[in-house]
Amino acid sequence: MRILLLRIVFAAYLVAVGFAVWAPNPADGAYAGVLAMPARWLASLGLPFEPSYAVLEFTANIAMFVPFGVLAMTAFRMRVWSTTLAGLATSALIEGVQLFLPTRYSTVSDLVANTAGALVGALLVAAVRRSRTRRSQQLPSVA
């Protein structure tokens, strides 16, 4: 039952990502949306706008794919390397579709950031699993 629930959550997550990355971008230009606000705030502090926006966008792409790594590792019992490859493949699909969308941009940096996010999520799950295994091995047995 738990695995089924995790797979449903993973499917819902993928649908949400699909909406986020394929929905038409109504703004003119590349600097719009949720990330433009913090980038403008950083610019008001004296930091250059364009580099701030690029860093925020890269970081947001990593954050967007951390759940991918966590959910793939838990819902499908995948290993870190296969989860990372699945993240790369999913990101490549996203970027490939964006090539044909007039209001979207396909970039290699998104591919790298998304894959890194999947890797981070997978490593988090692997670390928790390793910690639980060590803890259970250290518990004294009751005889």
N, C-alpha and C. Protein backbone atom coordinates (compact mmCIF):
# COMPACT_ATOMS: atom_id res chain seq x y z
N MET A 1 0.83 -1.20 0.00
CA MET A 1 0.00 0.00 0.00
C MET A 1 0.87 1.26 0.00
N ARG A 2 1.95 1.23 0.80
CA ARG A 2 2.84 2.38 0.89
C ARG A 2 3.50 2.66 -0.46
N ILE A 3 3.93 1.60 -1.15
CA ILE A 3 4.57 1.76 -2.45
C ILE A 3 3.58 2.34 -3.46
N LEU A 4 2.34 1.87 -3.44
CA LEU A 4 1.33 2.40 -4.34
C LEU A 4 1.11 3.89 -4.09
N LEU A 5 1.02 4.28 -2.84
CA LEU A 5 0.85 5.69 -2.50
C LEU A 5 2.03 6.52 -2.99
N LEU A 6 3.24 6.02 -2.78
CA LEU A 6 4.43 6.73 -3.26
C LEU A 6 4.43 6.88 -4.78
N ARG A 7 3.98 5.87 -5.47
CA ARG A 7 3.92 5.93 -6.94
C ARG A 7 2.86 6.93 -7.41
N ILE A 8 1.76 7.01 -6.70
CA ILE A 8 0.73 8.01 -7.03
C ILE A 8 1.27 9.41 -6.79
N VAL A 9 1.96 9.60 -5.67
CA VAL A 9 2.57 10.90 -5.38
C VAL A 9 3.61 11.25 -6.45
N PHE A 10 4.40 10.27 -6.88
CA PHE A 10 5.40 10.49 -7.92
C PHE A 10 4.73 10.90 -9.22
N ALA A 11 3.64 10.23 -9.58
CA ALA A 11 2.91 10.59 -10.80
C ALA A 11 2.35 12.00 -10.71
N ALA A 12 1.79 12.36 -9.56
CA ALA A 12 1.27 13.72 -9.37
C ALA A 12 2.40 14.75 -9.45
N TYR A 13 3.54 14.42 -8.88
CA TYR A 13 4.71 15.30 -8.95
C TYR A 13 5.11 15.51 -10.42
N LEU A 14 5.16 14.43 -11.21
CA LEU A 14 5.54 14.56 -12.62
C LEU A 14 4.54 15.41 -13.40
N VAL A 15 3.26 15.28 -13.09
CA VAL A 15 2.25 16.13 -13.73
C VAL A 15 2.49 17.59 -13.38
N ALA A 16 2.76 17.86 -12.11
CA ALA A 16 3.03 19.24 -11.68
C ALA A 16 4.27 19.80 -12.37
N VAL A 17 5.31 18.99 -12.48
CA VAL A 17 6.52 19.44 -13.19
C VAL A 17 6.19 19.71 -14.65
N GLY A 18 5.39 18.84 -15.25
CA GLY A 18 4.98 19.05 -16.64
C GLY A 18 4.29 20.38 -16.84
N PHE A 19 3.37 20.71 -15.94
CA PHE A 19 2.71 22.01 -16.02
C PHE A 19 3.70 23.15 -15.86
N ALA A 20 4.63 23.00 -14.94
CA ALA A 20 5.60 24.07 -14.67
C ALA A 20 6.53 24.31 -15.86
N VAL A 21 6.93 23.25 -16.53
CA VAL A 21 7.94 23.41 -17.58
C VAL A 21 7.38 23.51 -19.00
N TRP A 22 6.12 23.13 -19.18
CA TRP A 22 5.56 23.17 -20.53
C TRP A 22 4.42 24.16 -20.70
N ALA A 23 3.90 24.70 -19.62
CA ALA A 23 2.81 25.68 -19.75
C ALA A 23 3.34 26.92 -20.46
N PRO A 24 2.48 27.56 -21.23
CA PRO A 24 2.94 28.79 -21.91
C PRO A 24 3.43 29.83 -20.91
N ASN A 25 4.51 30.47 -21.25
CA ASN A 25 5.08 31.53 -20.43
C ASN A 25 4.51 32.85 -20.95
N PRO A 26 3.58 33.47 -20.22
CA PRO A 26 2.89 34.64 -20.75
C PRO A 26 3.75 35.89 -20.82
N ALA A 27 4.87 35.91 -20.14
CA ALA A 27 5.68 37.13 -20.08
C ALA A 27 6.54 37.27 -21.33
N ASP A 28 6.79 38.49 -21.69
CA ASP A 28 7.71 38.78 -22.78
C ASP A 28 9.12 38.76 -22.21
N GLY A 29 10.02 38.06 -22.86
CA GLY A 29 11.39 38.02 -22.40
C GLY A 29 11.63 36.87 -21.44
N ALA A 30 12.89 36.65 -21.15
CA ALA A 30 13.28 35.51 -20.33
C ALA A 30 13.18 35.78 -18.84
N TYR A 31 13.14 37.04 -18.43
CA TYR A 31 13.20 37.37 -17.01
C TYR A 31 11.81 37.69 -16.47
N ALA A 32 11.09 36.64 -16.15
CA ALA A 32 9.72 36.83 -15.66
C ALA A 32 9.40 35.72 -14.67
N GLY A 33 8.23 35.82 -14.12
CA GLY A 33 7.76 34.76 -13.25
C GLY A 33 8.25 34.89 -11.83
N VAL A 34 8.16 33.79 -11.13
CA VAL A 34 8.47 33.74 -9.71
C VAL A 34 9.92 34.13 -9.44
N LEU A 35 10.84 33.72 -10.28
CA LEU A 35 12.26 33.98 -10.03
C LEU A 35 12.66 35.43 -10.28
N ALA A 36 11.88 36.16 -11.06
CA ALA A 36 12.24 37.55 -11.35
C ALA A 36 12.15 38.41 -10.09
N MET A 37 11.21 38.11 -9.21
CA MET A 37 11.04 38.92 -8.00
C MET A 37 12.27 38.86 -7.09
N PRO A 38 12.76 37.66 -6.71
CA PRO A 38 13.96 37.66 -5.88
C PRO A 38 15.19 38.19 -6.61
N ALA A 39 15.26 37.99 -7.93
CA ALA A 39 16.39 38.52 -8.69
C ALA A 39 16.37 40.05 -8.66
N ARG A 40 15.20 40.64 -8.78
CA ARG A 40 15.09 42.10 -8.70
C ARG A 40 15.45 42.59 -7.29
N TRP A 41 15.05 41.82 -6.27
CA TRP A 41 15.39 42.19 -4.91
C TRP A 41 16.91 42.16 -4.72
N LEU A 42 17.56 41.11 -5.23
CA LEU A 42 19.02 41.04 -5.15
C LEU A 42 19.67 42.19 -5.92
N ALA A 43 19.07 42.57 -7.05
CA ALA A 43 19.58 43.70 -7.82
C ALA A 43 19.45 44.99 -7.02
N SER A 44 18.38 45.12 -6.24
CA SER A 44 18.21 46.32 -5.41
C SER A 44 19.26 46.40 -4.32
N LEU A 45 19.87 45.27 -3.98
CA LEU A 45 20.95 45.24 -3.00
C LEU A 45 22.31 45.51 -3.63
N GLY A 46 22.30 45.71 -4.94
CA GLY A 46 23.55 46.03 -5.63
C GLY A 46 24.14 44.87 -6.42
N LEU A 47 23.50 43.71 -6.37
CA LEU A 47 23.99 42.59 -7.16
C LEU A 47 23.45 42.70 -8.58
N PRO A 48 24.22 42.31 -9.57
CA PRO A 48 23.74 42.39 -10.96
C PRO A 48 22.52 41.49 -11.16
N PHE A 49 21.54 41.99 -11.90
CA PHE A 49 20.27 41.28 -12.08
C PHE A 49 20.46 39.98 -12.86
N GLU A 50 21.08 40.04 -14.03
CA GLU A 50 21.16 38.85 -14.88
C GLU A 50 21.88 37.68 -14.21
N PRO A 51 23.07 37.90 -13.61
CA PRO A 51 23.70 36.76 -12.91
C PRO A 51 22.86 36.25 -11.74
N SER A 52 22.21 37.15 -11.02
CA SER A 52 21.36 36.73 -9.90
C SER A 52 20.22 35.85 -10.40
N TYR A 53 19.59 36.26 -11.50
CA TYR A 53 18.50 35.49 -12.08
C TYR A 53 18.99 34.11 -12.52
N ALA A 54 20.15 34.08 -13.17
CA ALA A 54 20.69 32.80 -13.66
C ALA A 54 20.99 31.85 -12.51
N VAL A 55 21.56 32.37 -11.43
CA VAL A 55 21.85 31.53 -10.26
C VAL A 55 20.56 31.04 -9.62
N LEU A 56 19.57 31.92 -9.50
CA LEU A 56 18.29 31.52 -8.93
C LEU A 56 17.61 30.46 -9.79
N GLU A 57 17.66 30.65 -11.10
CA GLU A 57 17.02 29.68 -12.00
C GLU A 57 17.71 28.31 -11.91
N PHE A 58 19.04 28.31 -11.88
CA PHE A 58 19.79 27.06 -11.77
C PHE A 58 19.45 26.36 -10.46
N THR A 59 19.45 27.13 -9.38
CA THR A 59 19.14 26.57 -8.06
C THR A 59 17.70 26.05 -8.00
N ALA A 60 16.78 26.78 -8.61
CA ALA A 60 15.37 26.34 -8.63
C ALA A 60 15.22 25.04 -9.42
N ASN A 61 15.97 24.89 -10.50
CA ASN A 61 15.91 23.65 -11.27
C ASN A 61 16.46 22.47 -10.46
N ILE A 62 17.51 22.71 -9.69
CA ILE A 62 18.01 21.65 -8.81
C ILE A 62 16.92 21.28 -7.80
N ALA A 63 16.36 22.29 -7.15
CA ALA A 63 15.33 22.05 -6.13
C ALA A 63 14.11 21.34 -6.72
N MET A 64 13.75 21.67 -7.96
CA MET A 64 12.59 21.05 -8.58
C MET A 64 12.78 19.54 -8.78
N PHE A 65 14.03 19.10 -8.96
CA PHE A 65 14.27 17.68 -9.23
C PHE A 65 14.73 16.88 -8.01
N VAL A 66 14.94 17.52 -6.87
CA VAL A 66 15.25 16.75 -5.65
C VAL A 66 14.12 15.78 -5.32
N PRO A 67 12.85 16.21 -5.38
CA PRO A 67 11.76 15.24 -5.14
C PRO A 67 11.77 14.08 -6.13
N PHE A 68 12.21 14.33 -7.37
CA PHE A 68 12.32 13.24 -8.35
C PHE A 68 13.22 12.15 -7.80
N GLY A 69 14.40 12.55 -7.32
CA GLY A 69 15.34 11.57 -6.77
C GLY A 69 14.79 10.85 -5.56
N VAL A 70 14.17 11.60 -4.66
CA VAL A 70 13.61 11.00 -3.45
C VAL A 70 12.50 10.01 -3.81
N LEU A 71 11.58 10.44 -4.65
CA LEU A 71 10.43 9.59 -4.98
C LEU A 71 10.82 8.38 -5.83
N ALA A 72 11.73 8.56 -6.77
CA ALA A 72 12.16 7.42 -7.59
C ALA A 72 12.85 6.37 -6.73
N MET A 73 13.68 6.82 -5.80
CA MET A 73 14.39 5.88 -4.92
C MET A 73 13.43 5.13 -4.00
N THR A 74 12.39 5.81 -3.53
CA THR A 74 11.49 5.18 -2.57
C THR A 74 10.33 4.44 -3.24
N ALA A 75 9.78 4.99 -4.31
CA ALA A 75 8.62 4.37 -4.95
C ALA A 75 8.98 3.19 -5.83
N PHE A 76 10.20 3.19 -6.35
CA PHE A 76 10.60 2.13 -7.28
C PHE A 76 11.84 1.37 -6.83
N ARG A 77 12.32 1.66 -5.61
CA ARG A 77 13.49 0.97 -5.06
C ARG A 77 14.68 1.02 -6.03
N MET A 78 14.87 2.18 -6.64
CA MET A 78 15.97 2.35 -7.58
C MET A 78 17.27 2.63 -6.84
N ARG A 79 18.37 2.46 -7.52
CA ARG A 79 19.68 2.79 -6.97
C ARG A 79 20.01 4.23 -7.35
N VAL A 80 21.06 4.76 -6.73
CA VAL A 80 21.44 6.15 -6.97
C VAL A 80 21.76 6.38 -8.45
N TRP A 81 22.55 5.51 -9.05
CA TRP A 81 22.96 5.72 -10.43
C TRP A 81 21.77 5.62 -11.39
N SER A 82 20.87 4.67 -11.16
CA SER A 82 19.71 4.53 -12.07
C SER A 82 18.72 5.68 -11.87
N THR A 83 18.61 6.16 -10.65
CA THR A 83 17.75 7.32 -10.39
C THR A 83 18.32 8.55 -11.08
N THR A 84 19.63 8.72 -11.02
CA THR A 84 20.27 9.87 -11.68
C THR A 84 20.08 9.78 -13.19
N LEU A 85 20.25 8.59 -13.76
CA LEU A 85 20.03 8.42 -15.20
C LEU A 85 18.57 8.68 -15.58
N ALA A 86 17.64 8.24 -14.73
CA ALA A 86 16.22 8.51 -14.99
C ALA A 86 15.94 10.00 -14.93
N GLY A 87 16.59 10.70 -13.99
CA GLY A 87 16.46 12.15 -13.91
C GLY A 87 17.00 12.82 -15.16
N LEU A 88 18.15 12.35 -15.64
CA LEU A 88 18.73 12.87 -16.87
C LEU A 88 17.79 12.64 -18.06
N ALA A 89 17.24 11.44 -18.16
CA ALA A 89 16.33 11.12 -19.27
C ALA A 89 15.06 11.97 -19.21
N THR A 90 14.52 12.14 -18.02
CA THR A 90 13.32 12.97 -17.85
C THR A 90 13.61 14.41 -18.21
N SER A 91 14.75 14.91 -17.77
CA SER A 91 15.14 16.28 -18.09
C SER A 91 15.37 16.44 -19.59
N ALA A 92 15.98 15.44 -20.23
CA ALA A 92 16.20 15.50 -21.68
C ALA A 92 14.86 15.53 -22.41
N LEU A 93 13.89 14.78 -21.94
CA LEU A 93 12.54 14.81 -22.52
C LEU A 93 11.95 16.21 -22.39
N ILE A 94 12.05 16.78 -21.20
CA ILE A 94 11.52 18.13 -20.95
C ILE A 94 12.17 19.13 -21.90
N GLU A 95 13.49 19.11 -21.96
CA GLU A 95 14.21 20.08 -22.79
C GLU A 95 13.93 19.84 -24.27
N GLY A 96 13.78 18.57 -24.67
CA GLY A 96 13.45 18.27 -26.06
C GLY A 96 12.09 18.81 -26.47
N VAL A 97 11.11 18.65 -25.60
CA VAL A 97 9.77 19.19 -25.89
C VAL A 97 9.82 20.72 -25.92
N GLN A 98 10.59 21.32 -25.02
CA GLN A 98 10.68 22.78 -24.98
C GLN A 98 11.27 23.36 -26.26
N LEU A 99 12.04 22.58 -27.00
CA LEU A 99 12.57 23.05 -28.28
C LEU A 99 11.45 23.45 -29.24
N PHE A 100 10.30 22.80 -29.10
CA PHE A 100 9.19 23.03 -30.01
C PHE A 100 8.11 23.96 -29.44
N LEU A 101 8.32 24.48 -28.25
CA LEU A 101 7.35 25.39 -27.63
C LEU A 101 7.83 26.83 -27.82
N PRO A 102 7.00 27.66 -28.44
CA PRO A 102 7.46 29.02 -28.78
C PRO A 102 7.75 29.91 -27.57
N THR A 103 7.15 29.63 -26.42
CA THR A 103 7.37 30.50 -25.26
C THR A 103 8.32 29.89 -24.25
N ARG A 104 9.01 28.83 -24.62
CA ARG A 104 9.93 28.15 -23.71
C ARG A 104 11.32 28.09 -24.32
N TYR A 105 12.30 27.91 -23.45
CA TYR A 105 13.70 27.85 -23.88
C TYR A 105 14.29 26.53 -23.39
N SER A 106 14.99 25.86 -24.27
CA SER A 106 15.67 24.62 -23.91
C SER A 106 17.14 24.94 -23.70
N THR A 107 17.68 24.57 -22.53
CA THR A 107 19.08 24.88 -22.23
C THR A 107 19.80 23.68 -21.63
N VAL A 108 21.09 23.63 -21.89
CA VAL A 108 21.92 22.58 -21.31
C VAL A 108 22.04 22.78 -19.80
N SER A 109 22.05 24.04 -19.36
CA SER A 109 22.16 24.29 -17.92
C SER A 109 20.96 23.72 -17.16
N ASP A 110 19.77 23.75 -17.77
CA ASP A 110 18.60 23.13 -17.14
C ASP A 110 18.79 21.62 -17.04
N LEU A 111 19.33 21.02 -18.09
CA LEU A 111 19.59 19.59 -18.09
C LEU A 111 20.56 19.21 -16.97
N VAL A 112 21.61 20.00 -16.82
CA VAL A 112 22.61 19.74 -15.77
C VAL A 112 21.99 19.93 -14.39
N ALA A 113 21.25 21.03 -14.20
CA ALA A 113 20.66 21.33 -12.89
C ALA A 113 19.61 20.28 -12.51
N ASN A 114 18.76 19.91 -13.44
CA ASN A 114 17.74 18.90 -13.15
C ASN A 114 18.37 17.56 -12.77
N THR A 115 19.39 17.17 -13.51
CA THR A 115 20.08 15.91 -13.21
C THR A 115 20.75 15.98 -11.85
N ALA A 116 21.35 17.12 -11.54
CA ALA A 116 21.97 17.31 -10.23
C ALA A 116 20.93 17.21 -9.12
N GLY A 117 19.75 17.77 -9.35
CA GLY A 117 18.68 17.67 -8.35
C GLY A 117 18.25 16.24 -8.11
N ALA A 118 18.12 15.46 -9.19
CA ALA A 118 17.76 14.05 -9.04
C ALA A 118 18.84 13.31 -8.26
N LEU A 119 20.10 13.63 -8.54
CA LEU A 119 21.22 13.02 -7.81
C LEU A 119 21.18 13.39 -6.33
N VAL A 120 20.94 14.65 -6.03
CA VAL A 120 20.87 15.09 -4.63
C VAL A 120 19.76 14.35 -3.89
N GLY A 121 18.58 14.26 -4.51
CA GLY A 121 17.46 13.54 -3.88
C GLY A 121 17.80 12.07 -3.66
N ALA A 122 18.43 11.44 -4.65
CA ALA A 122 18.81 10.04 -4.52
C ALA A 122 19.85 9.85 -3.41
N LEU A 123 20.81 10.78 -3.33
CA LEU A 123 21.83 10.68 -2.29
C LEU A 123 21.24 10.88 -0.90
N LEU A 124 20.24 11.74 -0.79
CA LEU A 124 19.57 11.92 0.50
C LEU A 124 18.92 10.62 0.97
N VAL A 125 18.21 9.96 0.06
CA VAL A 125 17.56 8.70 0.41
C VAL A 125 18.61 7.64 0.75
N ALA A 126 19.68 7.58 -0.04
CA ALA A 126 20.74 6.61 0.22
C ALA A 126 21.37 6.85 1.59
N ALA A 127 21.55 8.11 1.95
CA ALA A 127 22.13 8.44 3.26
C ALA A 127 21.20 8.02 4.40
N VAL A 128 19.91 8.25 4.23
CA VAL A 128 18.94 7.85 5.26
C VAL A 128 18.92 6.32 5.38
N ARG A 129 18.92 5.64 4.26
CA ARG A 129 18.93 4.17 4.29
C ARG A 129 20.18 3.64 4.99
N ARG A 130 21.32 4.21 4.66
CA ARG A 130 22.58 3.78 5.26
C ARG A 130 22.56 4.03 6.77
N SER A 131 22.03 5.18 7.16
CA SER A 131 21.95 5.52 8.58
C SER A 131 21.05 4.54 9.32
N ARG A 132 19.92 4.19 8.73
CA ARG A 132 19.00 3.24 9.36
C ARG A 132 19.62 1.86 9.47
N THR A 133 20.35 1.45 8.44
CA THR A 133 21.00 0.14 8.46
C THR A 133 22.03 0.08 9.57
N ARG A 134 22.84 1.12 9.66
CA ARG A 134 23.87 1.16 10.72
C ARG A 134 23.24 1.16 12.10
N ARG A 135 22.19 1.93 12.26
CA ARG A 135 21.52 2.02 13.56
C ARG A 135 20.93 0.66 13.95
N SER A 136 20.31 -0.02 12.99
CA SER A 136 19.70 -1.32 13.31
C SER A 136 20.77 -2.37 13.60
N GLN A 137 21.94 -2.24 13.00
CA GLN A 137 23.03 -3.18 13.27
C GLN A 137 23.66 -2.93 14.63
N GLN A 138 23.54 -1.72 15.13
CA GLN A 138 24.15 -1.37 16.41
C GLN A 138 23.24 -1.67 17.60
N LEU A 139 21.96 -1.90 17.35
CA LEU A 139 21.04 -2.19 18.44
C LEU A 139 21.39 -3.54 19.06
N PRO A 140 21.43 -3.60 20.39
CA PRO A 140 21.72 -4.89 21.04
C PRO A 140 20.55 -5.85 20.85
N SER A 141 20.89 -7.09 20.61
CA SER A 141 19.83 -8.08 20.45
C SER A 141 19.39 -8.56 21.83
N VAL A 142 18.10 -8.78 21.94
CA VAL A 142 17.52 -9.24 23.20
C VAL A 142 17.40 -10.75 23.13
N ALA A 143 18.02 -11.45 24.07
CA ALA A 143 17.99 -12.91 24.03
C ALA A 143 17.19 -13.48 25.17
